[in-house]
Amino acid sequence: MERIYKRESREPKADPSSRQIRRPKKRSEWMNVLLFYVLPFLIVNSLLFVLVSARPHITIQVADTKDYKTSTVTVTISSLLPITEFTSAQEGAELPLTQEKRNIYTGEIFKNGVIEIYAKTINGMTALQYEHVNILDDVAPVINDQYAIEDGILTITFEDSQSGLDPASITALTPSGIPSAPIWSDKLTGTFSFSMGDEPLIIHASDLAGNAMQATFSTHTEVLDPNGNPVESPVSQDSLLSDTAEQPPSASPETEVQIEDSSEASLAETAAPALSQPETSVPASEQQNGEVSIYIDTTTP
């Protein structure tokens, strides 16, 4: 008992006055207002504003074409809210699209034109996006204006800026159905030469996309109506000389044609009004063999 008492007596006794009681600090009123009123109000109203004003975003991607006939379009719609309306069109006609994922649509296009995509979300906000497509080839080849008819040989140059000219498609026929193969060609430049006789020559050509055209050339003068149909038979050189011989030199010329003969003297007379050409024709040009050559028609079937 004595030992226990001595141990207890060695331990220092705590001073009650040295103890400090910590009391929690009171939160200020403005902090309570900020945490429980202002911040919740801002957060809730911001969310409402985002949801009410959220507008869908449309992305249109047109893939490159391989055959200049078709291509693929991909439409992606980014939206926070569900889409309630969706339409697709091209040049006023419906464009069929297939839904691949939630908001991704794909489809094929077969012609050039403006693609129009419309989308509307559940909050009533709409989006309208346009994309112009011009990578497909829907234009036939054309013939360069620098053609020539000399010594009964027609030389022409074809041009096609997209898919390119198809050399195997170039053929020539006379109105009676006699074929005429090119006597010379340069596929790199698209230049071809054909032998011409008394009959007109009808040239057919197409590009690699299948767009076809035709052009008619002749070494005789014809008068065509606006539809490209002859209204009178071709006027021969003999009749032209006999008609002009009867007219006085002071007659007012309608269309002047220069003709050269193999003789030493040259004759320049005026042509009859029937020799005036339509708007689709090119003025007659002088030839070494004395014939009048004229470009008659160029049409696309």
C-alpha atoms as a PDB file:
ATOM      1  CA  MET A   1       0.000   0.000   0.000  1.00  0.00           C
ATOM      2  CA  GLU A   2       2.806   2.331   0.699  1.00  0.00           C
ATOM      3  CA  ARG A   3       4.390   1.810  -2.698  1.00  0.00           C
ATOM      4  CA  ILE A   4       1.212   2.538  -4.515  1.00  0.00           C
ATOM      5  CA  TYR A   5       0.740   5.730  -2.611  1.00  0.00           C
ATOM      6  CA  LYS A   6       4.232   6.896  -3.440  1.00  0.00           C
ATOM      7  CA  ARG A   7       3.703   6.336  -7.212  1.00  0.00           C
ATOM      8  CA  GLU A   8       0.527   8.271  -7.208  1.00  0.00           C
ATOM      9  CA  SER A   9       2.145  11.041  -5.316  1.00  0.00           C
ATOM     10  CA  ARG A  10       4.871  11.430  -7.946  1.00  0.00           C
ATOM     11  CA  GLU A  11       2.397  12.146 -10.797  1.00  0.00           C
ATOM     12  CA  PRO A  12       1.699  15.882 -11.226  1.00  0.00           C
ATOM     13  CA  LYS A  13      -1.804  16.993 -10.695  1.00  0.00           C
ATOM     14  CA  ALA A  14      -3.528  18.846 -13.547  1.00  0.00           C
ATOM     15  CA  ASP A  15      -4.433  22.445 -12.980  1.00  0.00           C
ATOM     16  CA  PRO A  16      -8.129  22.962 -13.699  1.00  0.00           C
ATOM     17  CA  SER A  17      -7.514  26.567 -14.682  1.00  0.00           C
ATOM     18  CA  SER A  18      -5.137  25.545 -17.498  1.00  0.00           C
ATOM     19  CA  ARG A  19      -7.852  23.786 -19.534  1.00  0.00           C
ATOM     20  CA  GLN A  20      -9.382  25.807 -22.476  1.00  0.00           C
ATOM     21  CA  ILE A  21     -12.798  25.083 -23.869  1.00  0.00           C
ATOM     22  CA  ARG A  22     -13.010  25.522 -27.752  1.00  0.00           C
ATOM     23  CA  ARG A  23     -16.336  26.726 -29.027  1.00  0.00           C
ATOM     24  CA  PRO A  24     -17.326  26.544 -32.758  1.00  0.00           C
ATOM     25  CA  LYS A  25     -17.178  29.834 -34.660  1.00  0.00           C
ATOM     26  CA  LYS A  26     -20.439  31.190 -35.962  1.00  0.00           C
ATOM     27  CA  ARG A  27     -20.779  31.278 -39.827  1.00  0.00           C
ATOM     28  CA  SER A  28     -21.466  34.734 -41.181  1.00  0.00           C
ATOM     29  CA  GLU A  29     -24.849  35.474 -42.691  1.00  0.00           C
ATOM     30  CA  TRP A  30     -23.530  36.458 -46.145  1.00  0.00           C
ATOM     31  CA  MET A  31     -21.772  33.098 -46.427  1.00  0.00           C
ATOM     32  CA  ASN A  32     -25.046  31.316 -45.709  1.00  0.00           C
ATOM     33  CA  VAL A  33     -26.800  33.375 -48.345  1.00  0.00           C
ATOM     34  CA  LEU A  34     -24.071  32.631 -50.896  1.00  0.00           C
ATOM     35  CA  LEU A  35     -23.996  28.886 -50.278  1.00  0.00           C
ATOM     36  CA  PHE A  36     -27.698  28.194 -49.851  1.00  0.00           C
ATOM     37  CA  TYR A  37     -29.352  30.797 -52.097  1.00  0.00           C
ATOM     38  CA  VAL A  38     -27.090  32.458 -54.659  1.00  0.00           C
ATOM     39  CA  LEU A  39     -25.069  29.467 -55.878  1.00  0.00           C
ATOM     40  CA  PRO A  40     -28.045  27.084 -56.215  1.00  0.00           C
ATOM     41  CA  PHE A  41     -29.965  29.782 -58.068  1.00  0.00           C
ATOM     42  CA  LEU A  42     -27.132  30.315 -60.556  1.00  0.00           C
ATOM     43  CA  ILE A  43     -26.535  26.612 -61.102  1.00  0.00           C
ATOM     44  CA  VAL A  44     -30.189  25.754 -61.648  1.00  0.00           C
ATOM     45  CA  ASN A  45     -30.828  28.670 -64.000  1.00  0.00           C
ATOM     46  CA  SER A  46     -27.672  27.978 -65.971  1.00  0.00           C
ATOM     47  CA  LEU A  47     -28.735  24.390 -66.536  1.00  0.00           C
ATOM     48  CA  LEU A  48     -32.192  25.514 -67.581  1.00  0.00           C
ATOM     49  CA  PHE A  49     -30.727  28.055 -70.003  1.00  0.00           C
ATOM     50  CA  VAL A  50     -28.453  25.445 -71.575  1.00  0.00           C
ATOM     51  CA  LEU A  51     -31.278  22.956 -71.969  1.00  0.00           C
ATOM     52  CA  VAL A  52     -33.714  25.502 -73.390  1.00  0.00           C
ATOM     53  CA  SER A  53     -31.265  27.090 -75.837  1.00  0.00           C
ATOM     54  CA  ALA A  54     -29.371  23.949 -76.869  1.00  0.00           C
ATOM     55  CA  ARG A  55     -29.288  23.799 -80.654  1.00  0.00           C
ATOM     56  CA  PRO A  56     -28.297  20.730 -82.716  1.00  0.00           C
ATOM     57  CA  HIS A  57     -25.115  20.905 -84.787  1.00  0.00           C
ATOM     58  CA  ILE A  58     -25.068  19.270 -88.237  1.00  0.00           C
ATOM     59  CA  THR A  59     -21.942  18.099 -90.085  1.00  0.00           C
ATOM     60  CA  ILE A  60     -22.099  16.937 -93.725  1.00  0.00           C
ATOM     61  CA  GLN A  61     -19.176  15.051 -95.275  1.00  0.00           C
ATOM     62  CA  VAL A  62     -19.095  14.023 -98.948  1.00  0.00           C
ATOM     63  CA  ALA A  63     -16.573  11.328 -99.846  1.00  0.00           C
ATOM     64  CA  ASP A  64     -14.437  11.448-102.973  1.00  0.00           C
ATOM     65  CA  THR A  65     -15.839   9.653-105.997  1.00  0.00           C
ATOM     66  CA  LYS A  66     -14.078   6.781-107.727  1.00  0.00           C
ATOM     67  CA  ASP A  67     -16.158   6.477-110.903  1.00  0.00           C
ATOM     68  CA  TYR A  68     -17.505  10.078-111.164  1.00  0.00           C
ATOM     69  CA  LYS A  69     -21.009   8.580-111.128  1.00  0.00           C
ATOM     70  CA  THR A  70     -21.751   8.076-107.417  1.00  0.00           C
ATOM     71  CA  SER A  71     -20.462   9.196-104.046  1.00  0.00           C
ATOM     72  CA  THR A  72     -21.270   8.705-100.347  1.00  0.00           C
ATOM     73  CA  VAL A  73     -22.517  11.347 -97.915  1.00  0.00           C
ATOM     74  CA  THR A  74     -22.293  11.093 -94.121  1.00  0.00           C
ATOM     75  CA  VAL A  75     -24.433  13.297 -91.874  1.00  0.00           C
ATOM     76  CA  THR A  76     -23.581  13.639 -88.170  1.00  0.00           C
ATOM     77  CA  ILE A  77     -25.858  15.449 -85.693  1.00  0.00           C
ATOM     78  CA  SER A  78     -24.456  16.560 -82.331  1.00  0.00           C
ATOM     79  CA  SER A  79     -27.137  17.391 -79.773  1.00  0.00           C
ATOM     80  CA  LEU A  80     -27.617  17.349 -75.996  1.00  0.00           C
ATOM     81  CA  LEU A  81     -31.294  16.584 -76.393  1.00  0.00           C
ATOM     82  CA  PRO A  82     -33.127  13.942 -78.455  1.00  0.00           C
ATOM     83  CA  ILE A  83     -33.905  14.682 -82.113  1.00  0.00           C
ATOM     84  CA  THR A  84     -37.624  14.834 -82.869  1.00  0.00           C
ATOM     85  CA  GLU A  85     -37.526  15.784 -86.577  1.00  0.00           C
ATOM     86  CA  PHE A  86     -34.985  15.003 -89.312  1.00  0.00           C
ATOM     87  CA  THR A  87     -35.234  15.537 -93.093  1.00  0.00           C
ATOM     88  CA  SER A  88     -32.751  15.299 -95.953  1.00  0.00           C
ATOM     89  CA  ALA A  89     -33.104  16.545 -99.532  1.00  0.00           C
ATOM     90  CA  GLN A  90     -31.058  17.341-102.622  1.00  0.00           C
ATOM     91  CA  GLU A  91     -32.209  19.944-105.127  1.00  0.00           C
ATOM     92  CA  GLY A  92     -35.736  19.776-103.727  1.00  0.00           C
ATOM     93  CA  ALA A  93     -36.013  15.966-103.977  1.00  0.00           C
ATOM     94  CA  GLU A  94     -35.860  13.601-101.017  1.00  0.00           C
ATOM     95  CA  LEU A  95     -32.406  12.169-100.317  1.00  0.00           C
ATOM     96  CA  PRO A  96     -32.664   8.667 -98.773  1.00  0.00           C
ATOM     97  CA  LEU A  97     -30.355   8.204 -95.779  1.00  0.00           C
ATOM     98  CA  THR A  98     -29.778   5.195 -93.515  1.00  0.00           C
ATOM     99  CA  GLN A  99     -29.240   5.628 -89.770  1.00  0.00           C
ATOM    100  CA  GLU A 100     -25.993   3.897 -88.836  1.00  0.00           C
ATOM    101  CA  LYS A 101     -25.726   4.951 -85.181  1.00  0.00           C
ATOM    102  CA  ARG A 102     -27.658   7.183 -82.790  1.00  0.00           C
ATOM    103  CA  ASN A 103     -27.146  10.427 -84.719  1.00  0.00           C
ATOM    104  CA  ILE A 104     -25.125   9.304 -87.766  1.00  0.00           C
ATOM    105  CA  TYR A 105     -26.753   8.897 -91.186  1.00  0.00           C
ATOM    106  CA  THR A 106     -25.230   7.737 -94.507  1.00  0.00           C
ATOM    107  CA  GLY A 107     -26.450   7.555 -98.090  1.00  0.00           C
ATOM    108  CA  GLU A 108     -25.426   7.552-101.744  1.00  0.00           C
ATOM    109  CA  ILE A 109     -25.681  10.500-104.119  1.00  0.00           C
ATOM    110  CA  PHE A 110     -25.965  10.149-107.888  1.00  0.00           C
ATOM    111  CA  LYS A 111     -25.978  13.741-109.084  1.00  0.00           C
ATOM    112  CA  ASN A 112     -24.507  17.130-108.370  1.00  0.00           C
ATOM    113  CA  GLY A 113     -26.481  19.686-106.429  1.00  0.00           C
ATOM    114  CA  VAL A 114     -27.081  21.203-103.013  1.00  0.00           C
ATOM    115  CA  ILE A 115     -27.752  18.822-100.103  1.00  0.00           C
ATOM    116  CA  GLU A 116     -30.087  20.213 -97.424  1.00  0.00           C
ATOM    117  CA  ILE A 117     -30.269  18.677 -93.922  1.00  0.00           C
ATOM    118  CA  TYR A 118     -32.839  19.801 -91.318  1.00  0.00           C
ATOM    119  CA  ALA A 119     -32.984  18.717 -87.659  1.00  0.00           C
ATOM    120  CA  LYS A 120     -35.170  19.703 -84.672  1.00  0.00           C
ATOM    121  CA  THR A 121     -34.678  18.802 -80.995  1.00  0.00           C
ATOM    122  CA  ILE A 122     -37.223  18.234 -78.251  1.00  0.00           C
ATOM    123  CA  ASN A 123     -36.827  21.809 -76.962  1.00  0.00           C
ATOM    124  CA  GLY A 124     -37.965  23.215 -80.334  1.00  0.00           C
ATOM    125  CA  MET A 125     -34.559  24.445 -81.497  1.00  0.00           C
ATOM    126  CA  THR A 126     -33.762  23.744 -85.164  1.00  0.00           C
ATOM    127  CA  ALA A 127     -30.693  23.591 -87.393  1.00  0.00           C
ATOM    128  CA  LEU A 128     -30.366  23.746 -91.197  1.00  0.00           C
ATOM    129  CA  GLN A 129     -27.151  22.872 -93.035  1.00  0.00           C
ATOM    130  CA  TYR A 130     -26.270  22.972 -96.749  1.00  0.00           C
ATOM    131  CA  GLU A 131     -23.507  21.248 -98.709  1.00  0.00           C
ATOM    132  CA  HIS A 132     -22.816  21.775-102.420  1.00  0.00           C
ATOM    133  CA  VAL A 133     -21.806  18.668-104.394  1.00  0.00           C
ATOM    134  CA  ASN A 134     -19.926  19.155-107.667  1.00  0.00           C
ATOM    135  CA  ILE A 135     -17.529  16.200-107.822  1.00  0.00           C
ATOM    136  CA  LEU A 136     -19.709  14.020-110.075  1.00  0.00           C
ATOM    137  CA  ASP A 137     -19.409  14.216-113.858  1.00  0.00           C
ATOM    138  CA  ASP A 138     -22.767  14.966-115.467  1.00  0.00           C
ATOM    139  CA  VAL A 139     -21.494  17.069-118.392  1.00  0.00           C
ATOM    140  CA  ALA A 140     -20.696  15.579-121.795  1.00  0.00           C
ATOM    141  CA  PRO A 141     -17.405  16.303-123.567  1.00  0.00           C
ATOM    142  CA  VAL A 142     -17.202  19.412-125.734  1.00  0.00           C
ATOM    143  CA  ILE A 143     -15.366  20.132-128.962  1.00  0.00           C
ATOM    144  CA  ASN A 144     -12.782  22.884-128.959  1.00  0.00           C
ATOM    145  CA  ASP A 145     -13.588  25.846-131.197  1.00  0.00           C
ATOM    146  CA  GLN A 146     -10.233  25.458-132.944  1.00  0.00           C
ATOM    147  CA  TYR A 147     -11.388  22.781-135.393  1.00  0.00           C
ATOM    148  CA  ALA A 148     -10.304  22.729-139.028  1.00  0.00           C
ATOM    149  CA  ILE A 149     -11.455  21.269-142.357  1.00  0.00           C
ATOM    150  CA  GLU A 150      -8.630  21.278-144.869  1.00  0.00           C
ATOM    151  CA  ASP A 151      -8.189  19.211-148.011  1.00  0.00           C
ATOM    152  CA  GLY A 152     -11.124  17.006-147.050  1.00  0.00           C
ATOM    153  CA  ILE A 153      -9.725  16.221-143.569  1.00  0.00           C
ATOM    154  CA  LEU A 154     -11.595  17.238-140.421  1.00  0.00           C
ATOM    155  CA  THR A 155      -9.436  17.804-137.313  1.00  0.00           C
ATOM    156  CA  ILE A 156     -11.162  18.340-133.962  1.00  0.00           C
ATOM    157  CA  THR A 157     -10.132  18.370-130.289  1.00  0.00           C
ATOM    158  CA  PHE A 158     -12.356  17.072-127.471  1.00  0.00           C
ATOM    159  CA  GLU A 159     -12.276  18.485-123.942  1.00  0.00           C
ATOM    160  CA  ASP A 160     -13.585  16.990-120.687  1.00  0.00           C
ATOM    161  CA  SER A 161     -12.514  18.429-117.337  1.00  0.00           C
ATOM    162  CA  GLN A 162     -13.684  15.714-114.930  1.00  0.00           C
ATOM    163  CA  SER A 163     -13.809  11.996-115.718  1.00  0.00           C
ATOM    164  CA  GLY A 164     -11.941  12.384-119.004  1.00  0.00           C
ATOM    165  CA  LEU A 165     -12.620  11.475-122.616  1.00  0.00           C
ATOM    166  CA  ASP A 166     -13.233   7.832-123.556  1.00  0.00           C
ATOM    167  CA  PRO A 167     -11.247   7.361-126.809  1.00  0.00           C
ATOM    168  CA  ALA A 168     -12.979   4.072-127.584  1.00  0.00           C
ATOM    169  CA  SER A 169     -16.356   5.835-127.773  1.00  0.00           C
ATOM    170  CA  ILE A 170     -15.368   8.210-130.581  1.00  0.00           C
ATOM    171  CA  THR A 171     -17.069   7.203-133.813  1.00  0.00           C
ATOM    172  CA  ALA A 172     -18.125   8.949-136.995  1.00  0.00           C
ATOM    173  CA  LEU A 173     -21.013   8.174-139.329  1.00  0.00           C
ATOM    174  CA  THR A 174     -22.446   9.739-142.443  1.00  0.00           C
ATOM    175  CA  PRO A 175     -26.224  10.350-142.687  1.00  0.00           C
ATOM    176  CA  SER A 176     -26.421   7.260-144.916  1.00  0.00           C
ATOM    177  CA  GLY A 177     -24.858   5.145-142.138  1.00  0.00           C
ATOM    178  CA  ILE A 178     -21.355   4.737-143.545  1.00  0.00           C
ATOM    179  CA  PRO A 179     -18.814   4.606-140.672  1.00  0.00           C
ATOM    180  CA  SER A 180     -15.640   6.647-140.813  1.00  0.00           C
ATOM    181  CA  ALA A 181     -12.753   5.708-138.525  1.00  0.00           C
ATOM    182  CA  PRO A 182     -10.203   8.300-137.395  1.00  0.00           C
ATOM    183  CA  ILE A 183      -7.205   8.482-139.706  1.00  0.00           C
ATOM    184  CA  TRP A 184      -5.077  10.037-136.949  1.00  0.00           C
ATOM    185  CA  SER A 185      -5.486  10.556-133.207  1.00  0.00           C
ATOM    186  CA  ASP A 186      -3.638  11.903-130.193  1.00  0.00           C
ATOM    187  CA  LYS A 187      -5.316  10.475-127.095  1.00  0.00           C
ATOM    188  CA  LEU A 188      -3.224  12.621-124.778  1.00  0.00           C
ATOM    189  CA  THR A 189      -4.616  15.872-126.169  1.00  0.00           C
ATOM    190  CA  GLY A 190      -7.949  14.453-127.392  1.00  0.00           C
ATOM    191  CA  THR A 191      -7.309  15.421-131.024  1.00  0.00           C
ATOM    192  CA  PHE A 192      -8.753  13.289-133.844  1.00  0.00           C
ATOM    193  CA  SER A 193      -8.752  13.605-137.630  1.00  0.00           C
ATOM    194  CA  PHE A 194     -11.388  12.182-140.015  1.00  0.00           C
ATOM    195  CA  SER A 195     -11.590  11.969-143.763  1.00  0.00           C
ATOM    196  CA  MET A 196     -14.617  13.798-145.158  1.00  0.00           C
ATOM    197  CA  GLY A 197     -16.451  13.365-148.438  1.00  0.00           C
ATOM    198  CA  ASP A 198     -19.479  15.079-149.917  1.00  0.00           C
ATOM    199  CA  GLU A 199     -21.766  13.923-147.111  1.00  0.00           C
ATOM    200  CA  PRO A 200     -21.857  15.514-143.635  1.00  0.00           C
ATOM    201  CA  LEU A 201     -20.046  13.698-140.858  1.00  0.00           C
ATOM    202  CA  ILE A 202     -21.729  13.013-137.510  1.00  0.00           C
ATOM    203  CA  ILE A 203     -19.248  12.630-134.639  1.00  0.00           C
ATOM    204  CA  HIS A 204     -20.222  10.687-131.505  1.00  0.00           C
ATOM    205  CA  ALA A 205     -18.193  10.778-128.271  1.00  0.00           C
ATOM    206  CA  SER A 206     -18.636  10.175-124.548  1.00  0.00           C
ATOM    207  CA  ASP A 207     -16.581  10.497-121.373  1.00  0.00           C
ATOM    208  CA  LEU A 208     -15.647   7.832-118.839  1.00  0.00           C
ATOM    209  CA  ALA A 209     -18.804   8.619-116.848  1.00  0.00           C
ATOM    210  CA  GLY A 210     -21.026   7.774-119.835  1.00  0.00           C
ATOM    211  CA  ASN A 211     -22.106  11.313-120.795  1.00  0.00           C
ATOM    212  CA  ALA A 212     -22.549  11.338-124.586  1.00  0.00           C
ATOM    213  CA  MET A 213     -22.547  14.078-127.208  1.00  0.00           C
ATOM    214  CA  GLN A 214     -22.679  14.388-130.962  1.00  0.00           C
ATOM    215  CA  ALA A 215     -21.610  17.015-133.474  1.00  0.00           C
ATOM    216  CA  THR A 216     -22.275  17.367-137.203  1.00  0.00           C
ATOM    217  CA  PHE A 217     -19.739  18.751-139.673  1.00  0.00           C
ATOM    218  CA  SER A 218     -20.173  19.379-143.395  1.00  0.00           C
ATOM    219  CA  THR A 219     -18.241  20.844-146.307  1.00  0.00           C
ATOM    220  CA  HIS A 220     -21.458  22.242-147.805  1.00  0.00           C
ATOM    221  CA  THR A 221     -23.576  25.183-146.777  1.00  0.00           C
ATOM    222  CA  GLU A 222     -26.974  24.483-145.251  1.00  0.00           C
ATOM    223  CA  VAL A 223     -29.656  26.640-143.688  1.00  0.00           C
ATOM    224  CA  LEU A 224     -31.027  25.271-140.422  1.00  0.00           C
ATOM    225  CA  ASP A 225     -34.125  26.248-138.483  1.00  0.00           C
ATOM    226  CA  PRO A 226     -33.921  26.836-134.683  1.00  0.00           C
ATOM    227  CA  ASN A 227     -34.493  23.088-134.149  1.00  0.00           C
ATOM    228  CA  GLY A 228     -31.454  22.161-136.237  1.00  0.00           C
ATOM    229  CA  ASN A 229     -33.438  20.871-139.245  1.00  0.00           C
ATOM    230  CA  PRO A 230     -32.468  21.969-142.781  1.00  0.00           C
ATOM    231  CA  VAL A 231     -35.095  24.216-144.382  1.00  0.00           C
ATOM    232  CA  GLU A 232     -33.524  24.322-147.831  1.00  0.00           C
ATOM    233  CA  SER A 233     -31.303  22.063-149.831  1.00  0.00           C
ATOM    234  CA  PRO A 234     -27.607  23.000-149.955  1.00  0.00           C
ATOM    235  CA  VAL A 235     -26.714  25.586-152.555  1.00  0.00           C
ATOM    236  CA  SER A 236     -24.127  24.338-155.029  1.00  0.00           C
ATOM    237  CA  GLN A 237     -21.160  26.356-156.178  1.00  0.00           C
ATOM    238  CA  ASP A 238     -22.440  26.498-159.793  1.00  0.00           C
ATOM    239  CA  SER A 239     -25.808  27.943-158.763  1.00  0.00           C
ATOM    240  CA  LEU A 240     -24.046  30.426-156.520  1.00  0.00           C
ATOM    241  CA  LEU A 241     -21.909  31.688-159.403  1.00  0.00           C
ATOM    242  CA  SER A 242     -24.865  31.894-161.806  1.00  0.00           C
ATOM    243  CA  ASP A 243     -26.990  33.824-159.309  1.00  0.00           C
ATOM    244  CA  THR A 244     -24.293  36.282-158.421  1.00  0.00           C
ATOM    245  CA  ALA A 245     -23.458  36.889-162.089  1.00  0.00           C
ATOM    246  CA  GLU A 246     -26.947  38.288-162.696  1.00  0.00           C
ATOM    247  CA  GLN A 247     -26.722  40.756-159.817  1.00  0.00           C
ATOM    248  CA  PRO A 248     -25.172  44.182-160.401  1.00  0.00           C
ATOM    249  CA  PRO A 249     -21.907  44.929-158.584  1.00  0.00           C
ATOM    250  CA  SER A 250     -23.599  47.639-156.550  1.00  0.00           C
ATOM    251  CA  ALA A 251     -26.000  45.206-154.862  1.00  0.00           C
ATOM    252  CA  SER A 252     -25.937  45.314-151.089  1.00  0.00           C
ATOM    253  CA  PRO A 253     -24.203  42.120-149.875  1.00  0.00           C
ATOM    254  CA  GLU A 254     -25.929  39.984-147.280  1.00  0.00           C
ATOM    255  CA  THR A 255     -23.110  37.500-146.605  1.00  0.00           C
ATOM    256  CA  GLU A 256     -19.763  37.727-148.373  1.00  0.00           C
ATOM    257  CA  VAL A 257     -18.118  34.441-149.338  1.00  0.00           C
ATOM    258  CA  GLN A 258     -14.614  34.260-150.821  1.00  0.00           C
ATOM    259  CA  ILE A 259     -14.093  31.403-153.310  1.00  0.00           C
ATOM    260  CA  GLU A 260     -10.812  30.539-155.010  1.00  0.00           C
ATOM    261  CA  ASP A 261     -10.519  28.639-158.323  1.00  0.00           C
ATOM    262  CA  SER A 262      -7.528  26.870-159.797  1.00  0.00           C
ATOM    263  CA  SER A 263      -7.462  29.538-162.570  1.00  0.00           C
ATOM    264  CA  GLU A 264      -5.493  32.760-162.294  1.00  0.00           C
ATOM    265  CA  ALA A 265      -8.479  35.094-161.902  1.00  0.00           C
ATOM    266  CA  SER A 266     -10.328  35.193-158.589  1.00  0.00           C
ATOM    267  CA  LEU A 267     -13.963  36.033-158.098  1.00  0.00           C
ATOM    268  CA  ALA A 268     -15.536  37.683-155.039  1.00  0.00           C
ATOM    269  CA  GLU A 269     -19.299  37.971-155.222  1.00  0.00           C
ATOM    270  CA  THR A 270     -22.141  38.295-152.765  1.00  0.00           C
ATOM    271  CA  ALA A 271     -24.226  35.373-151.579  1.00  0.00           C
ATOM    272  CA  ALA A 272     -28.012  35.233-151.571  1.00  0.00           C
ATOM    273  CA  PRO A 273     -29.924  35.921-148.311  1.00  0.00           C
ATOM    274  CA  ALA A 274     -30.645  32.186-148.077  1.00  0.00           C
ATOM    275  CA  LEU A 275     -26.975  31.646-147.241  1.00  0.00           C
ATOM    276  CA  SER A 276     -27.263  33.508-143.919  1.00  0.00           C
ATOM    277  CA  GLN A 277     -26.453  31.126-141.111  1.00  0.00           C
ATOM    278  CA  PRO A 278     -28.337  30.504-137.824  1.00  0.00           C
ATOM    279  CA  GLU A 279     -26.923  31.395-134.436  1.00  0.00           C
ATOM    280  CA  THR A 280     -25.541  27.864-133.885  1.00  0.00           C
ATOM    281  CA  SER A 281     -23.359  28.038-137.025  1.00  0.00           C
ATOM    282  CA  VAL A 282     -19.867  29.432-137.444  1.00  0.00           C
ATOM    283  CA  PRO A 283     -19.167  31.783-140.412  1.00  0.00           C
ATOM    284  CA  ALA A 284     -17.974  30.072-143.561  1.00  0.00           C
ATOM    285  CA  SER A 285     -14.237  29.885-144.128  1.00  0.00           C
ATOM    286  CA  GLU A 286     -12.125  29.878-147.303  1.00  0.00           C
ATOM    287  CA  GLN A 287     -10.767  26.501-148.466  1.00  0.00           C
ATOM    288  CA  GLN A 288      -8.019  25.710-150.925  1.00  0.00           C
ATOM    289  CA  ASN A 289     -10.214  23.370-152.961  1.00  0.00           C
ATOM    290  CA  GLY A 290     -12.813  26.048-153.619  1.00  0.00           C
ATOM    291  CA  GLU A 291     -15.531  24.533-151.380  1.00  0.00           C
ATOM    292  CA  VAL A 292     -17.257  26.380-148.578  1.00  0.00           C
ATOM    293  CA  SER A 293     -16.927  24.621-145.210  1.00  0.00           C
ATOM    294  CA  ILE A 294     -19.197  25.390-142.300  1.00  0.00           C
ATOM    295  CA  TYR A 295     -19.844  23.940-138.856  1.00  0.00           C
ATOM    296  CA  ILE A 296     -23.466  22.898-138.897  1.00  0.00           C
ATOM    297  CA  ASP A 297     -24.526  21.689-135.473  1.00  0.00           C
ATOM    298  CA  THR A 298     -23.316  20.500-132.087  1.00  0.00           C
ATOM    299  CA  THR A 299     -25.842  18.773-129.834  1.00  0.00           C
ATOM    300  CA  THR A 300     -25.911  16.499-126.822  1.00  0.00           C
ATOM    301  CA  PRO A 301     -28.416  13.627-127.148  1.00  0.00           C
END
